[in-house]
Amino acid sequence: MGTGDVKKIVGLGAGVLILLVGLFFWNRDFAGPRVLDDPRAIEAITLVQNHPARQAPTLKEAITDLVDDMKARGKGVYMGDWRVAAQGPDTYVVSVLIREKGFAEWIERDYAWRVNVKEKALSVITLPATHLMPFHELPPLPHDSDLSSLHSVTPKESRLG
């Protein structure tokens, strides 16, 4: 057996190995149960997507309008798929990632909500998502009593020396 034959056999073996590894990862389910197998996960996504938005009839339309507006202004933009992850027996986190081309790099904004499927209620959990929610559904700002643990620095304390 010559050197050329050995190279052919090694090359063929490497190709078969790459093919088998590719098939293994293609068929493997990394995220646990698939969304289509969990009707409560589908319900969570539907609750978020159909929830009223501040400047659109639904959150799904608000996200689509946001992406379309960026595209119309000539910005590079990528919208990921809607994702859902179980957080408890009745609780799911639903999110969608939007990447916008900045001056030097991509800016990622994750729009995410926590959904209680049993109560059919959702709450916003990321800052970008707050910009889409109706004002009356935003979490309240902290009051003075909630800020008591914060220490404000007086002008005298801020001087060095």
N, C-alpha and C. Protein backbone atom coordinates (compact mmCIF):
# COMPACT_ATOMS: atom_id res chain seq x y z
N MET A 1 0.85 -1.17 0.00
CA MET A 1 0.00 0.00 0.00
C MET A 1 0.89 1.23 0.00
N GLY A 2 0.65 2.12 -0.97
CA GLY A 2 1.48 3.29 -1.11
C GLY A 2 0.96 4.47 -0.30
N THR A 3 1.76 5.54 -0.29
CA THR A 3 1.40 6.75 0.45
C THR A 3 0.12 7.37 -0.08
N GLY A 4 -0.08 7.32 -1.37
CA GLY A 4 -1.30 7.87 -1.98
C GLY A 4 -2.54 7.13 -1.52
N ASP A 5 -2.44 5.79 -1.38
CA ASP A 5 -3.58 5.00 -0.92
C ASP A 5 -3.93 5.33 0.53
N VAL A 6 -2.92 5.50 1.36
CA VAL A 6 -3.15 5.84 2.76
C VAL A 6 -3.85 7.20 2.87
N LYS A 7 -3.40 8.17 2.07
CA LYS A 7 -4.02 9.49 2.09
C LYS A 7 -5.48 9.42 1.66
N LYS A 8 -5.77 8.59 0.65
CA LYS A 8 -7.15 8.43 0.19
C LYS A 8 -8.03 7.82 1.29
N ILE A 9 -7.52 6.81 1.96
CA ILE A 9 -8.27 6.13 3.02
C ILE A 9 -8.50 7.09 4.19
N VAL A 10 -7.48 7.82 4.59
CA VAL A 10 -7.61 8.78 5.68
C VAL A 10 -8.59 9.88 5.30
N GLY A 11 -8.49 10.37 4.07
CA GLY A 11 -9.42 11.41 3.60
C GLY A 11 -10.85 10.92 3.57
N LEU A 12 -11.05 9.70 3.08
CA LEU A 12 -12.38 9.10 3.05
C LEU A 12 -12.93 8.90 4.46
N GLY A 13 -12.08 8.42 5.35
CA GLY A 13 -12.48 8.22 6.75
C GLY A 13 -12.86 9.53 7.42
N ALA A 14 -12.09 10.58 7.16
CA ALA A 14 -12.39 11.90 7.74
C ALA A 14 -13.71 12.43 7.19
N GLY A 15 -13.94 12.22 5.90
CA GLY A 15 -15.20 12.66 5.29
C GLY A 15 -16.39 11.94 5.88
N VAL A 16 -16.28 10.63 6.06
CA VAL A 16 -17.37 9.84 6.67
C VAL A 16 -17.59 10.28 8.11
N LEU A 17 -16.52 10.52 8.84
CA LEU A 17 -16.64 10.96 10.23
C LEU A 17 -17.34 12.32 10.32
N ILE A 18 -16.97 13.25 9.46
CA ILE A 18 -17.61 14.57 9.44
C ILE A 18 -19.09 14.42 9.10
N LEU A 19 -19.41 13.57 8.15
CA LEU A 19 -20.80 13.33 7.77
C LEU A 19 -21.59 12.76 8.95
N LEU A 20 -21.03 11.77 9.64
CA LEU A 20 -21.72 11.17 10.78
C LEU A 20 -21.92 12.17 11.92
N VAL A 21 -20.91 12.97 12.21
CA VAL A 21 -21.04 13.99 13.26
C VAL A 21 -22.09 15.02 12.86
N GLY A 22 -22.10 15.43 11.60
CA GLY A 22 -23.10 16.37 11.11
C GLY A 22 -24.51 15.81 11.24
N LEU A 23 -24.70 14.56 10.87
CA LEU A 23 -26.02 13.92 11.01
C LEU A 23 -26.43 13.82 12.47
N PHE A 24 -25.48 13.51 13.34
CA PHE A 24 -25.78 13.41 14.77
C PHE A 24 -26.28 14.76 15.30
N PHE A 25 -25.56 15.85 15.01
CA PHE A 25 -25.96 17.16 15.52
C PHE A 25 -27.22 17.68 14.83
N TRP A 26 -27.42 17.33 13.59
CA TRP A 26 -28.62 17.76 12.88
C TRP A 26 -29.87 17.12 13.49
N ASN A 27 -29.75 15.89 13.93
CA ASN A 27 -30.88 15.15 14.46
C ASN A 27 -31.05 15.33 15.97
N ARG A 28 -30.10 15.90 16.63
CA ARG A 28 -30.13 16.03 18.09
C ARG A 28 -30.95 17.24 18.50
N ASP A 29 -31.67 17.11 19.59
CA ASP A 29 -32.51 18.20 20.10
C ASP A 29 -31.82 18.79 21.33
N PHE A 30 -31.15 19.94 21.18
CA PHE A 30 -30.38 20.53 22.26
C PHE A 30 -31.24 21.21 23.31
N ALA A 31 -32.38 21.77 22.94
CA ALA A 31 -33.18 22.61 23.84
C ALA A 31 -34.18 21.82 24.66
N GLY A 32 -34.03 20.52 24.77
CA GLY A 32 -35.02 19.75 25.51
C GLY A 32 -36.24 19.54 24.65
N PRO A 33 -37.41 19.58 25.27
CA PRO A 33 -38.62 19.34 24.47
C PRO A 33 -38.83 20.43 23.44
N ARG A 34 -39.25 20.03 22.27
CA ARG A 34 -39.49 20.99 21.20
C ARG A 34 -40.74 21.79 21.51
N VAL A 35 -40.78 23.03 21.04
CA VAL A 35 -41.92 23.91 21.29
C VAL A 35 -43.20 23.29 20.74
N LEU A 36 -43.11 22.67 19.58
CA LEU A 36 -44.31 22.10 18.98
C LEU A 36 -44.88 20.96 19.82
N ASP A 37 -44.05 20.37 20.69
CA ASP A 37 -44.51 19.29 21.55
C ASP A 37 -45.10 19.82 22.86
N ASP A 38 -45.02 21.12 23.11
CA ASP A 38 -45.50 21.70 24.36
C ASP A 38 -46.58 22.75 24.05
N PRO A 39 -47.85 22.37 24.17
CA PRO A 39 -48.92 23.31 23.83
C PRO A 39 -48.91 24.56 24.72
N ARG A 40 -48.40 24.44 25.95
CA ARG A 40 -48.35 25.61 26.84
C ARG A 40 -47.29 26.60 26.36
N ALA A 41 -46.21 26.11 25.76
CA ALA A 41 -45.18 26.99 25.21
C ALA A 41 -45.75 27.74 24.00
N ILE A 42 -46.51 27.04 23.18
CA ILE A 42 -47.15 27.69 22.03
C ILE A 42 -48.13 28.74 22.52
N GLU A 43 -48.87 28.43 23.58
CA GLU A 43 -49.81 29.40 24.16
C GLU A 43 -49.07 30.63 24.69
N ALA A 44 -47.90 30.42 25.31
CA ALA A 44 -47.11 31.54 25.84
C ALA A 44 -46.66 32.46 24.71
N ILE A 45 -46.16 31.90 23.62
CA ILE A 45 -45.73 32.72 22.48
C ILE A 45 -46.93 33.48 21.91
N THR A 46 -48.04 32.80 21.78
CA THR A 46 -49.25 33.43 21.23
C THR A 46 -49.73 34.57 22.12
N LEU A 47 -49.68 34.37 23.44
CA LEU A 47 -50.09 35.44 24.36
C LEU A 47 -49.23 36.68 24.19
N VAL A 48 -47.92 36.49 24.04
CA VAL A 48 -47.02 37.63 23.87
C VAL A 48 -47.24 38.28 22.50
N GLN A 49 -47.22 37.49 21.45
CA GLN A 49 -47.34 38.06 20.11
C GLN A 49 -48.65 38.80 19.89
N ASN A 50 -49.73 38.35 20.51
CA ASN A 50 -51.04 38.98 20.33
C ASN A 50 -51.37 40.02 21.39
N HIS A 51 -50.47 40.27 22.32
CA HIS A 51 -50.70 41.26 23.37
C HIS A 51 -50.65 42.67 22.78
N PRO A 52 -51.53 43.56 23.22
CA PRO A 52 -51.51 44.94 22.70
C PRO A 52 -50.17 45.63 22.96
N ALA A 53 -49.74 46.40 21.98
CA ALA A 53 -48.50 47.16 22.10
C ALA A 53 -48.82 48.65 22.20
N ARG A 54 -47.82 49.43 22.53
CA ARG A 54 -48.00 50.88 22.69
C ARG A 54 -48.37 51.55 21.37
N GLN A 55 -47.67 51.23 20.29
CA GLN A 55 -47.88 51.94 19.02
C GLN A 55 -48.28 51.01 17.89
N ALA A 56 -48.81 49.84 18.23
CA ALA A 56 -49.27 48.89 17.22
C ALA A 56 -50.36 48.03 17.87
N PRO A 57 -51.16 47.40 17.05
CA PRO A 57 -52.22 46.56 17.62
C PRO A 57 -51.70 45.40 18.48
N THR A 58 -50.55 44.82 18.08
CA THR A 58 -49.98 43.70 18.84
C THR A 58 -48.47 43.87 18.98
N LEU A 59 -47.89 43.13 19.93
CA LEU A 59 -46.43 43.17 20.10
C LEU A 59 -45.72 42.61 18.88
N LYS A 60 -46.28 41.58 18.27
CA LYS A 60 -45.66 41.02 17.06
C LYS A 60 -45.60 42.06 15.95
N GLU A 61 -46.68 42.82 15.77
CA GLU A 61 -46.69 43.87 14.75
C GLU A 61 -45.74 45.00 15.12
N ALA A 62 -45.62 45.31 16.40
CA ALA A 62 -44.70 46.36 16.83
C ALA A 62 -43.25 45.97 16.52
N ILE A 63 -42.89 44.72 16.77
CA ILE A 63 -41.53 44.22 16.45
C ILE A 63 -41.30 44.26 14.94
N THR A 64 -42.28 43.79 14.18
CA THR A 64 -42.16 43.79 12.72
C THR A 64 -42.03 45.22 12.20
N ASP A 65 -42.83 46.14 12.73
CA ASP A 65 -42.74 47.55 12.32
C ASP A 65 -41.37 48.14 12.64
N LEU A 66 -40.83 47.78 13.81
CA LEU A 66 -39.51 48.26 14.22
C LEU A 66 -38.44 47.81 13.23
N VAL A 67 -38.47 46.54 12.87
CA VAL A 67 -37.48 45.99 11.93
C VAL A 67 -37.67 46.61 10.54
N ASP A 68 -38.92 46.72 10.10
CA ASP A 68 -39.20 47.31 8.78
C ASP A 68 -38.74 48.77 8.72
N ASP A 69 -38.92 49.50 9.81
CA ASP A 69 -38.49 50.90 9.87
C ASP A 69 -36.96 51.01 9.75
N MET A 70 -36.25 50.12 10.44
CA MET A 70 -34.78 50.14 10.36
C MET A 70 -34.32 49.82 8.94
N LYS A 71 -34.98 48.84 8.32
CA LYS A 71 -34.62 48.49 6.94
C LYS A 71 -34.89 49.65 6.00
N ALA A 72 -36.02 50.34 6.20
CA ALA A 72 -36.38 51.48 5.34
C ALA A 72 -35.37 52.61 5.47
N ARG A 73 -34.75 52.75 6.65
CA ARG A 73 -33.74 53.78 6.85
C ARG A 73 -32.36 53.33 6.39
N GLY A 74 -32.27 52.13 5.80
CA GLY A 74 -31.01 51.64 5.26
C GLY A 74 -30.10 51.00 6.28
N LYS A 75 -30.61 50.70 7.45
CA LYS A 75 -29.79 50.07 8.48
C LYS A 75 -29.73 48.57 8.25
N GLY A 76 -28.60 47.99 8.55
CA GLY A 76 -28.49 46.54 8.55
C GLY A 76 -29.21 46.03 9.79
N VAL A 77 -30.10 45.08 9.61
CA VAL A 77 -30.87 44.58 10.74
C VAL A 77 -31.15 43.10 10.55
N TYR A 78 -31.15 42.38 11.66
CA TYR A 78 -31.46 40.96 11.66
C TYR A 78 -32.44 40.70 12.79
N MET A 79 -33.54 40.00 12.47
CA MET A 79 -34.50 39.61 13.50
C MET A 79 -34.43 38.10 13.64
N GLY A 80 -34.19 37.65 14.86
CA GLY A 80 -34.14 36.22 15.12
C GLY A 80 -35.53 35.63 15.23
N ASP A 81 -35.58 34.34 15.45
CA ASP A 81 -36.85 33.65 15.64
C ASP A 81 -37.39 33.93 17.04
N TRP A 82 -38.69 33.83 17.20
CA TRP A 82 -39.29 33.92 18.52
C TRP A 82 -38.87 32.68 19.29
N ARG A 83 -38.44 32.88 20.55
CA ARG A 83 -37.98 31.77 21.39
C ARG A 83 -38.86 31.66 22.62
N VAL A 84 -38.93 30.49 23.16
CA VAL A 84 -39.68 30.27 24.39
C VAL A 84 -38.91 29.25 25.24
N ALA A 85 -38.89 29.49 26.55
CA ALA A 85 -38.23 28.58 27.47
C ALA A 85 -39.08 28.46 28.73
N ALA A 86 -39.27 27.22 29.17
CA ALA A 86 -40.03 27.00 30.39
C ALA A 86 -39.20 27.47 31.58
N GLN A 87 -39.87 28.17 32.49
CA GLN A 87 -39.20 28.66 33.69
C GLN A 87 -39.80 28.04 34.95
N GLY A 88 -40.92 27.43 34.81
CA GLY A 88 -41.63 26.78 35.91
C GLY A 88 -42.82 26.05 35.35
N PRO A 89 -43.66 25.48 36.21
CA PRO A 89 -44.79 24.71 35.70
C PRO A 89 -45.78 25.54 34.87
N ASP A 90 -45.99 26.79 35.24
CA ASP A 90 -46.93 27.65 34.52
C ASP A 90 -46.25 28.86 33.91
N THR A 91 -44.94 28.97 34.03
CA THR A 91 -44.22 30.18 33.64
C THR A 91 -43.25 29.89 32.50
N TYR A 92 -43.29 30.79 31.52
CA TYR A 92 -42.40 30.71 30.37
C TYR A 92 -41.78 32.08 30.12
N VAL A 93 -40.61 32.08 29.50
CA VAL A 93 -39.98 33.31 29.03
C VAL A 93 -40.03 33.27 27.51
N VAL A 94 -40.61 34.31 26.93
CA VAL A 94 -40.73 34.44 25.48
C VAL A 94 -39.87 35.62 25.06
N SER A 95 -39.07 35.44 24.02
CA SER A 95 -38.19 36.53 23.60
C SER A 95 -37.91 36.47 22.11
N VAL A 96 -37.44 37.60 21.62
CA VAL A 96 -36.99 37.70 20.23
C VAL A 96 -35.78 38.64 20.22
N LEU A 97 -34.75 38.28 19.47
CA LEU A 97 -33.52 39.06 19.41
C LEU A 97 -33.48 39.85 18.12
N ILE A 98 -33.13 41.13 18.23
CA ILE A 98 -32.95 41.98 17.05
C ILE A 98 -31.53 42.52 17.08
N ARG A 99 -30.82 42.34 15.97
CA ARG A 99 -29.46 42.87 15.82
C ARG A 99 -29.50 44.01 14.82
N GLU A 100 -28.89 45.11 15.21
CA GLU A 100 -28.83 46.30 14.35
C GLU A 100 -27.37 46.63 14.09
N LYS A 101 -27.04 46.90 12.84
CA LYS A 101 -25.66 47.24 12.47
C LYS A 101 -25.36 48.65 12.96
N GLY A 102 -24.40 48.77 13.86
CA GLY A 102 -23.96 50.07 14.36
C GLY A 102 -22.81 50.60 13.53
N PHE A 103 -22.12 51.59 14.05
CA PHE A 103 -21.00 52.17 13.32
C PHE A 103 -19.84 51.19 13.20
N ALA A 104 -19.54 50.50 14.30
CA ALA A 104 -18.38 49.61 14.28
C ALA A 104 -18.75 48.15 14.46
N GLU A 105 -19.88 47.88 15.09
CA GLU A 105 -20.27 46.50 15.35
C GLU A 105 -21.78 46.39 15.47
N TRP A 106 -22.25 45.18 15.66
CA TRP A 106 -23.69 44.94 15.77
C TRP A 106 -24.16 45.22 17.20
N ILE A 107 -25.35 45.79 17.31
CA ILE A 107 -25.99 46.06 18.60
C ILE A 107 -27.11 45.05 18.74
N GLU A 108 -27.13 44.32 19.85
CA GLU A 108 -28.17 43.32 20.08
C GLU A 108 -29.16 43.83 21.12
N ARG A 109 -30.43 43.66 20.80
CA ARG A 109 -31.49 44.00 21.75
C ARG A 109 -32.37 42.77 21.90
N ASP A 110 -32.53 42.32 23.13
CA ASP A 110 -33.36 41.16 23.42
C ASP A 110 -34.68 41.67 23.99
N TYR A 111 -35.75 41.40 23.31
CA TYR A 111 -37.09 41.76 23.76
C TYR A 111 -37.67 40.52 24.44
N ALA A 112 -37.92 40.61 25.75
CA ALA A 112 -38.34 39.42 26.49
C ALA A 112 -39.45 39.72 27.49
N TRP A 113 -40.31 38.71 27.64
CA TRP A 113 -41.44 38.81 28.56
C TRP A 113 -41.55 37.50 29.34
N ARG A 114 -42.00 37.60 30.60
CA ARG A 114 -42.31 36.43 31.42
C ARG A 114 -43.82 36.23 31.33
N VAL A 115 -44.23 35.00 31.03
CA VAL A 115 -45.64 34.70 30.81
C VAL A 115 -46.11 33.65 31.82
N ASN A 116 -47.21 33.96 32.51
CA ASN A 116 -47.87 32.97 33.35
C ASN A 116 -49.05 32.46 32.54
N VAL A 117 -48.93 31.25 32.03
CA VAL A 117 -49.94 30.69 31.14
C VAL A 117 -51.24 30.43 31.89
N LYS A 118 -51.14 30.01 33.15
CA LYS A 118 -52.33 29.71 33.94
C LYS A 118 -53.19 30.96 34.13
N GLU A 119 -52.54 32.09 34.44
CA GLU A 119 -53.26 33.35 34.67
C GLU A 119 -53.43 34.17 33.40
N LYS A 120 -52.82 33.70 32.29
CA LYS A 120 -52.86 34.43 31.01
C LYS A 120 -52.34 35.86 31.18
N ALA A 121 -51.23 35.98 31.91
CA ALA A 121 -50.64 37.29 32.20
C ALA A 121 -49.19 37.31 31.77
N LEU A 122 -48.72 38.49 31.37
CA LEU A 122 -47.32 38.63 31.02
C LEU A 122 -46.76 39.90 31.65
N SER A 123 -45.45 39.85 31.85
CA SER A 123 -44.74 41.03 32.37
C SER A 123 -43.45 41.18 31.59
N VAL A 124 -43.05 42.41 31.42
CA VAL A 124 -41.86 42.72 30.65
C VAL A 124 -40.64 42.45 31.53
N ILE A 125 -39.56 41.89 30.94
CA ILE A 125 -38.36 41.61 31.74
C ILE A 125 -37.09 42.18 31.14
N THR A 126 -37.16 42.82 29.97
CA THR A 126 -35.96 43.48 29.43
C THR A 126 -36.30 44.92 29.09
N LEU A 127 -35.30 45.77 29.17
CA LEU A 127 -35.48 47.19 28.90
C LEU A 127 -35.99 47.46 27.48
N PRO A 128 -35.45 46.84 26.44
CA PRO A 128 -35.99 47.12 25.10
C PRO A 128 -37.49 46.81 25.00
N ALA A 129 -37.94 45.76 25.67
CA ALA A 129 -39.35 45.38 25.59
C ALA A 129 -40.26 46.41 26.26
N THR A 130 -39.73 47.18 27.22
CA THR A 130 -40.56 48.19 27.88
C THR A 130 -41.00 49.26 26.89
N HIS A 131 -40.22 49.50 25.85
CA HIS A 131 -40.55 50.53 24.87
C HIS A 131 -41.74 50.14 23.98
N LEU A 132 -42.11 48.88 24.02
CA LEU A 132 -43.23 48.42 23.21
C LEU A 132 -44.51 48.27 24.02
N MET A 133 -44.38 48.18 25.33
CA MET A 133 -45.54 47.91 26.19
C MET A 133 -46.39 49.16 26.39
N PRO A 134 -47.70 48.99 26.52
CA PRO A 134 -48.56 50.13 26.87
C PRO A 134 -48.11 50.72 28.21
N PHE A 135 -48.22 52.04 28.35
CA PHE A 135 -47.73 52.71 29.55
C PHE A 135 -48.36 52.15 30.82
N HIS A 136 -49.64 51.83 30.79
CA HIS A 136 -50.32 51.37 32.00
C HIS A 136 -49.86 49.97 32.45
N GLU A 137 -49.07 49.28 31.64
CA GLU A 137 -48.59 47.95 32.00
C GLU A 137 -47.12 47.92 32.41
N LEU A 138 -46.49 49.08 32.42
CA LEU A 138 -45.08 49.12 32.81
C LEU A 138 -44.96 49.03 34.32
N PRO A 139 -43.88 48.43 34.82
CA PRO A 139 -43.69 48.36 36.26
C PRO A 139 -43.50 49.77 36.83
N PRO A 140 -43.94 49.98 38.07
CA PRO A 140 -43.81 51.32 38.65
C PRO A 140 -42.36 51.68 38.93
N LEU A 141 -42.08 52.98 38.91
CA LEU A 141 -40.76 53.45 39.28
C LEU A 141 -40.63 53.39 40.80
N PRO A 142 -39.42 53.23 41.32
CA PRO A 142 -39.26 53.19 42.78
C PRO A 142 -39.59 54.55 43.40
N HIS A 143 -40.18 54.51 44.57
CA HIS A 143 -40.50 55.73 45.31
C HIS A 143 -39.37 56.04 46.28
N ASP A 144 -39.44 57.20 46.92
CA ASP A 144 -38.39 57.61 47.86
C ASP A 144 -38.14 56.55 48.92
N SER A 145 -39.20 55.93 49.43
CA SER A 145 -39.02 54.92 50.48
C SER A 145 -38.26 53.71 49.95
N ASP A 146 -38.43 53.39 48.67
CA ASP A 146 -37.71 52.26 48.07
C ASP A 146 -36.25 52.60 47.82
N LEU A 147 -35.95 53.87 47.75
CA LEU A 147 -34.58 54.31 47.47
C LEU A 147 -33.79 54.60 48.74
N SER A 148 -34.37 54.30 49.91
CA SER A 148 -33.73 54.67 51.18
C SER A 148 -32.37 54.01 51.36
N SER A 149 -32.15 52.88 50.72
CA SER A 149 -30.86 52.22 50.87
C SER A 149 -29.78 52.89 50.03
N LEU A 150 -30.18 53.71 49.08
CA LEU A 150 -29.20 54.43 48.26
C LEU A 150 -28.72 55.65 49.03
N HIS A 151 -27.46 55.94 48.95
CA HIS A 151 -26.88 57.07 49.65
C HIS A 151 -26.55 58.15 48.66
N SER A 152 -27.09 59.32 48.87
CA SER A 152 -26.73 60.43 47.98
C SER A 152 -25.56 61.18 48.59
N VAL A 153 -24.66 61.58 47.75
CA VAL A 153 -23.44 62.25 48.19
C VAL A 153 -23.70 63.75 48.21
N THR A 154 -23.41 64.36 49.34
CA THR A 154 -23.56 65.81 49.45
C THR A 154 -22.33 66.48 48.85
N PRO A 155 -22.43 67.77 48.49
CA PRO A 155 -21.25 68.45 47.92
C PRO A 155 -20.04 68.38 48.83
N LYS A 156 -20.25 68.45 50.16
CA LYS A 156 -19.15 68.42 51.12
C LYS A 156 -18.45 67.05 51.06
N GLU A 157 -19.23 65.94 50.93
CA GLU A 157 -18.67 64.60 50.89
C GLU A 157 -17.96 64.33 49.57
N SER A 158 -18.33 65.02 48.55
CA SER A 158 -17.75 64.74 47.23
C SER A 158 -16.38 65.36 47.05
N ARG A 159 -16.00 66.28 47.93
CA ARG A 159 -14.66 66.90 47.82
C ARG A 159 -13.59 65.94 48.26
N LEU A 160 -12.50 65.96 47.56
CA LEU A 160 -11.36 65.11 47.94
C LEU A 160 -10.50 65.84 48.93
N GLY A 161 -9.91 65.09 49.83
CA GLY A 161 -8.92 65.67 50.72
C GLY A 161 -9.46 65.93 52.01
